[in-house]
Amino acid sequence: CDGHKPCAKCRNDNALCCVTALRTPKTVFPPGYTELVERQNKYLVSALITLYRRLLLGQSWDGAPVQEANGFPLVHDILERLEINTVDE
């Protein structure tokens, strides 16, 4: 981190800069939890980029609205509609 917001490393990695989030956690997470959160983050970043590109091209949402739970759209359905199946390639 170079102290700027966003820092040069995060800017180069196209990542959210969360320097304050690097404090030592008080909660111990189960094995594999960090990998799961990183994988979910990749999917969400990919979806955000896809939506941004579609917005720039003036494209609308294809088809009917996605399913909702408790008044919120299901993220899995959004990713599926955006054809974001894997981000590990």
N, C-alpha and C. Protein backbone atom coordinates (compact mmCIF):
# COMPACT_ATOMS: atom_id res chain seq x y z
N CYS A 1 0.85 -1.18 0.00
CA CYS A 1 0.00 0.00 0.00
C CYS A 1 0.89 1.24 0.00
N ASP A 2 0.58 2.17 -0.87
CA ASP A 2 1.38 3.39 -0.95
C ASP A 2 0.75 4.55 -0.18
N GLY A 3 -0.36 4.27 0.55
CA GLY A 3 -1.00 5.29 1.37
C GLY A 3 -2.05 6.11 0.65
N HIS A 4 -2.15 5.97 -0.66
CA HIS A 4 -3.17 6.70 -1.41
C HIS A 4 -4.47 5.91 -1.40
N LYS A 5 -5.57 6.55 -1.71
CA LYS A 5 -6.87 5.90 -1.76
C LYS A 5 -7.45 6.08 -3.13
N PRO A 6 -7.53 5.08 -4.01
CA PRO A 6 -7.04 3.72 -3.79
C PRO A 6 -5.53 3.65 -3.94
N CYS A 7 -4.95 2.66 -3.31
CA CYS A 7 -3.50 2.50 -3.40
C CYS A 7 -3.12 1.97 -4.78
N ALA A 8 -1.87 2.09 -5.15
CA ALA A 8 -1.40 1.69 -6.48
C ALA A 8 -1.61 0.20 -6.71
N LYS A 9 -1.38 -0.63 -5.69
CA LYS A 9 -1.55 -2.08 -5.87
C LYS A 9 -3.00 -2.43 -6.18
N CYS A 10 -3.93 -1.89 -5.41
CA CYS A 10 -5.35 -2.17 -5.65
C CYS A 10 -5.79 -1.63 -7.00
N ARG A 11 -5.31 -0.46 -7.36
CA ARG A 11 -5.66 0.13 -8.66
C ARG A 11 -5.15 -0.76 -9.78
N ASN A 12 -3.91 -1.23 -9.68
CA ASN A 12 -3.33 -2.11 -10.70
C ASN A 12 -4.02 -3.47 -10.75
N ASP A 13 -4.48 -3.97 -9.58
CA ASP A 13 -5.16 -5.27 -9.52
C ASP A 13 -6.66 -5.15 -9.81
N ASN A 14 -7.15 -3.92 -10.05
CA ASN A 14 -8.57 -3.67 -10.26
C ASN A 14 -9.38 -4.22 -9.08
N ALA A 15 -8.91 -3.90 -7.85
CA ALA A 15 -9.54 -4.39 -6.64
C ALA A 15 -10.02 -3.21 -5.79
N LEU A 16 -11.00 -3.47 -4.93
CA LEU A 16 -11.44 -2.45 -4.00
C LEU A 16 -10.34 -2.25 -2.97
N CYS A 17 -10.03 -1.02 -2.65
CA CYS A 17 -8.97 -0.71 -1.69
C CYS A 17 -9.59 -0.61 -0.30
N CYS A 18 -9.24 -1.55 0.55
CA CYS A 18 -9.82 -1.63 1.89
C CYS A 18 -8.73 -1.73 2.94
N VAL A 19 -7.86 -0.75 2.99
CA VAL A 19 -6.73 -0.79 3.91
C VAL A 19 -7.22 -0.94 5.34
N THR A 20 -8.30 -0.26 5.71
CA THR A 20 -8.79 -0.33 7.09
C THR A 20 -9.33 -1.71 7.42
N ALA A 21 -9.66 -2.52 6.42
CA ALA A 21 -10.18 -3.86 6.65
C ALA A 21 -9.08 -4.86 6.95
N LEU A 22 -7.82 -4.43 6.95
CA LEU A 22 -6.71 -5.35 7.15
C LEU A 22 -6.37 -5.56 8.63
N ARG A 23 -7.18 -4.99 9.51
CA ARG A 23 -6.92 -5.20 10.93
C ARG A 23 -7.06 -6.68 11.28
N THR A 24 -6.40 -7.11 12.32
CA THR A 24 -6.46 -8.51 12.73
C THR A 24 -7.88 -8.84 13.17
N PRO A 25 -8.49 -9.86 12.55
CA PRO A 25 -9.86 -10.21 12.93
C PRO A 25 -9.89 -10.89 14.30
N LYS A 26 -10.97 -10.64 15.05
CA LYS A 26 -11.14 -11.26 16.35
C LYS A 26 -11.86 -12.60 16.21
N THR A 27 -12.51 -12.82 15.06
CA THR A 27 -13.24 -14.05 14.82
C THR A 27 -12.35 -15.02 14.06
N VAL A 28 -12.37 -16.26 14.46
CA VAL A 28 -11.64 -17.30 13.74
C VAL A 28 -12.62 -17.95 12.76
N PHE A 29 -12.28 -17.91 11.48
CA PHE A 29 -13.16 -18.45 10.46
C PHE A 29 -12.78 -19.89 10.15
N PRO A 30 -13.76 -20.70 9.76
CA PRO A 30 -13.46 -22.10 9.44
C PRO A 30 -12.59 -22.22 8.20
N PRO A 31 -11.90 -23.35 8.05
CA PRO A 31 -11.07 -23.56 6.87
C PRO A 31 -11.89 -23.41 5.59
N GLY A 32 -11.31 -22.75 4.61
CA GLY A 32 -11.99 -22.56 3.33
C GLY A 32 -12.86 -21.33 3.24
N TYR A 33 -13.10 -20.67 4.37
CA TYR A 33 -13.99 -19.51 4.37
C TYR A 33 -13.42 -18.36 3.54
N THR A 34 -12.15 -18.07 3.71
CA THR A 34 -11.52 -16.98 2.96
C THR A 34 -11.59 -17.24 1.46
N GLU A 35 -11.32 -18.48 1.05
CA GLU A 35 -11.39 -18.83 -0.37
C GLU A 35 -12.80 -18.65 -0.91
N LEU A 36 -13.81 -19.02 -0.11
CA LEU A 36 -15.21 -18.85 -0.51
C LEU A 36 -15.54 -17.37 -0.73
N VAL A 37 -15.12 -16.53 0.21
CA VAL A 37 -15.39 -15.10 0.10
C VAL A 37 -14.66 -14.51 -1.11
N GLU A 38 -13.41 -14.94 -1.35
CA GLU A 38 -12.67 -14.45 -2.51
C GLU A 38 -13.36 -14.87 -3.81
N ARG A 39 -13.86 -16.10 -3.86
CA ARG A 39 -14.56 -16.59 -5.06
C ARG A 39 -15.84 -15.79 -5.30
N GLN A 40 -16.61 -15.55 -4.23
CA GLN A 40 -17.83 -14.75 -4.36
C GLN A 40 -17.50 -13.34 -4.84
N ASN A 41 -16.41 -12.78 -4.33
CA ASN A 41 -16.00 -11.45 -4.75
C ASN A 41 -15.69 -11.42 -6.24
N LYS A 42 -15.02 -12.47 -6.75
CA LYS A 42 -14.72 -12.52 -8.19
C LYS A 42 -15.99 -12.52 -9.02
N TYR A 43 -16.99 -13.30 -8.59
CA TYR A 43 -18.26 -13.34 -9.31
C TYR A 43 -18.93 -11.97 -9.30
N LEU A 44 -18.96 -11.33 -8.15
CA LEU A 44 -19.63 -10.04 -8.05
C LEU A 44 -18.92 -8.95 -8.85
N VAL A 45 -17.58 -8.96 -8.82
CA VAL A 45 -16.83 -7.98 -9.62
C VAL A 45 -17.08 -8.22 -11.09
N SER A 46 -17.08 -9.48 -11.52
CA SER A 46 -17.36 -9.81 -12.92
C SER A 46 -18.74 -9.33 -13.33
N ALA A 47 -19.73 -9.51 -12.46
CA ALA A 47 -21.10 -9.06 -12.74
C ALA A 47 -21.16 -7.53 -12.84
N LEU A 48 -20.48 -6.86 -11.94
CA LEU A 48 -20.47 -5.39 -11.95
C LEU A 48 -19.86 -4.86 -13.24
N ILE A 49 -18.76 -5.46 -13.68
CA ILE A 49 -18.12 -5.04 -14.92
C ILE A 49 -19.03 -5.31 -16.11
N THR A 50 -19.69 -6.46 -16.13
CA THR A 50 -20.62 -6.81 -17.21
C THR A 50 -21.77 -5.81 -17.27
N LEU A 51 -22.34 -5.49 -16.12
CA LEU A 51 -23.45 -4.53 -16.08
C LEU A 51 -22.99 -3.14 -16.54
N TYR A 52 -21.80 -2.74 -16.13
CA TYR A 52 -21.26 -1.44 -16.54
C TYR A 52 -21.09 -1.38 -18.05
N ARG A 53 -20.52 -2.43 -18.63
CA ARG A 53 -20.33 -2.45 -20.09
C ARG A 53 -21.67 -2.41 -20.82
N ARG A 54 -22.65 -3.14 -20.31
CA ARG A 54 -23.98 -3.12 -20.93
C ARG A 54 -24.61 -1.73 -20.83
N LEU A 55 -24.42 -1.08 -19.69
CA LEU A 55 -24.94 0.26 -19.50
C LEU A 55 -24.32 1.22 -20.51
N LEU A 56 -22.99 1.12 -20.70
CA LEU A 56 -22.31 1.99 -21.67
C LEU A 56 -22.84 1.78 -23.09
N LEU A 57 -23.24 0.54 -23.39
CA LEU A 57 -23.76 0.23 -24.73
C LEU A 57 -25.26 0.49 -24.85
N GLY A 58 -25.88 0.96 -23.77
CA GLY A 58 -27.30 1.26 -23.79
C GLY A 58 -28.18 0.03 -23.82
N GLN A 59 -27.65 -1.11 -23.37
CA GLN A 59 -28.43 -2.33 -23.37
C GLN A 59 -29.33 -2.40 -22.15
N SER A 60 -30.53 -2.95 -22.36
CA SER A 60 -31.47 -3.08 -21.25
C SER A 60 -31.38 -4.48 -20.66
N TRP A 61 -32.12 -4.70 -19.59
CA TRP A 61 -32.16 -6.02 -18.95
C TRP A 61 -32.92 -6.98 -19.85
N ASP A 62 -32.35 -8.15 -20.10
CA ASP A 62 -32.99 -9.13 -20.97
C ASP A 62 -34.04 -9.93 -20.19
N GLY A 63 -35.25 -9.97 -20.72
CA GLY A 63 -36.28 -10.83 -20.15
C GLY A 63 -36.93 -10.28 -18.91
N ALA A 64 -37.62 -11.17 -18.23
CA ALA A 64 -38.38 -10.82 -17.04
C ALA A 64 -37.45 -10.55 -15.85
N PRO A 65 -37.96 -9.86 -14.85
CA PRO A 65 -37.16 -9.67 -13.64
C PRO A 65 -36.79 -11.01 -13.00
N VAL A 66 -35.70 -11.02 -12.26
CA VAL A 66 -35.26 -12.25 -11.58
C VAL A 66 -36.12 -12.48 -10.34
N GLN A 67 -36.02 -13.68 -9.80
CA GLN A 67 -36.76 -14.01 -8.59
C GLN A 67 -36.26 -13.16 -7.43
N GLU A 68 -37.13 -12.98 -6.45
CA GLU A 68 -36.76 -12.21 -5.27
C GLU A 68 -37.01 -13.02 -4.01
N ALA A 69 -36.26 -12.69 -2.97
CA ALA A 69 -36.45 -13.27 -1.65
C ALA A 69 -36.41 -12.12 -0.64
N ASN A 70 -37.43 -11.99 0.15
CA ASN A 70 -37.53 -10.91 1.15
C ASN A 70 -37.40 -9.54 0.52
N GLY A 71 -37.89 -9.40 -0.72
CA GLY A 71 -37.87 -8.09 -1.38
C GLY A 71 -36.57 -7.77 -2.10
N PHE A 72 -35.63 -8.70 -2.14
CA PHE A 72 -34.35 -8.47 -2.80
C PHE A 72 -34.16 -9.46 -3.94
N PRO A 73 -33.60 -9.01 -5.07
CA PRO A 73 -33.35 -9.94 -6.17
C PRO A 73 -32.30 -10.98 -5.77
N LEU A 74 -32.48 -12.21 -6.26
CA LEU A 74 -31.53 -13.28 -5.96
C LEU A 74 -30.28 -13.09 -6.79
N VAL A 75 -29.15 -12.92 -6.12
CA VAL A 75 -27.88 -12.66 -6.78
C VAL A 75 -27.53 -13.80 -7.74
N HIS A 76 -27.79 -15.03 -7.32
CA HIS A 76 -27.50 -16.18 -8.18
C HIS A 76 -28.24 -16.06 -9.51
N ASP A 77 -29.51 -15.63 -9.46
CA ASP A 77 -30.29 -15.48 -10.68
C ASP A 77 -29.75 -14.36 -11.57
N ILE A 78 -29.27 -13.29 -10.95
CA ILE A 78 -28.68 -12.19 -11.71
C ILE A 78 -27.43 -12.69 -12.43
N LEU A 79 -26.56 -13.41 -11.71
CA LEU A 79 -25.33 -13.93 -12.31
C LEU A 79 -25.66 -14.89 -13.45
N GLU A 80 -26.66 -15.72 -13.25
CA GLU A 80 -27.06 -16.66 -14.29
C GLU A 80 -27.57 -15.92 -15.52
N ARG A 81 -28.36 -14.88 -15.32
CA ARG A 81 -28.91 -14.11 -16.44
C ARG A 81 -27.80 -13.39 -17.20
N LEU A 82 -26.76 -12.97 -16.47
CA LEU A 82 -25.62 -12.30 -17.10
C LEU A 82 -24.65 -13.29 -17.71
N GLU A 83 -24.97 -14.58 -17.58
CA GLU A 83 -24.13 -15.67 -18.09
C GLU A 83 -22.75 -15.67 -17.46
N ILE A 84 -22.71 -15.36 -16.17
CA ILE A 84 -21.46 -15.40 -15.41
C ILE A 84 -21.47 -16.73 -14.68
N ASN A 85 -20.89 -17.74 -15.33
CA ASN A 85 -20.90 -19.09 -14.79
C ASN A 85 -19.62 -19.42 -14.05
N THR A 86 -18.52 -18.90 -14.53
CA THR A 86 -17.25 -19.16 -13.88
C THR A 86 -16.33 -17.96 -14.09
N VAL A 87 -15.55 -17.66 -13.08
CA VAL A 87 -14.61 -16.55 -13.18
C VAL A 87 -13.19 -17.04 -12.95
N ASP A 88 -13.03 -18.37 -12.90
CA ASP A 88 -11.71 -18.93 -12.60
C ASP A 88 -10.87 -19.17 -13.85
N GLU A 89 -11.38 -18.81 -15.00
CA GLU A 89 -10.66 -19.09 -16.24
C GLU A 89 -9.52 -18.13 -16.44
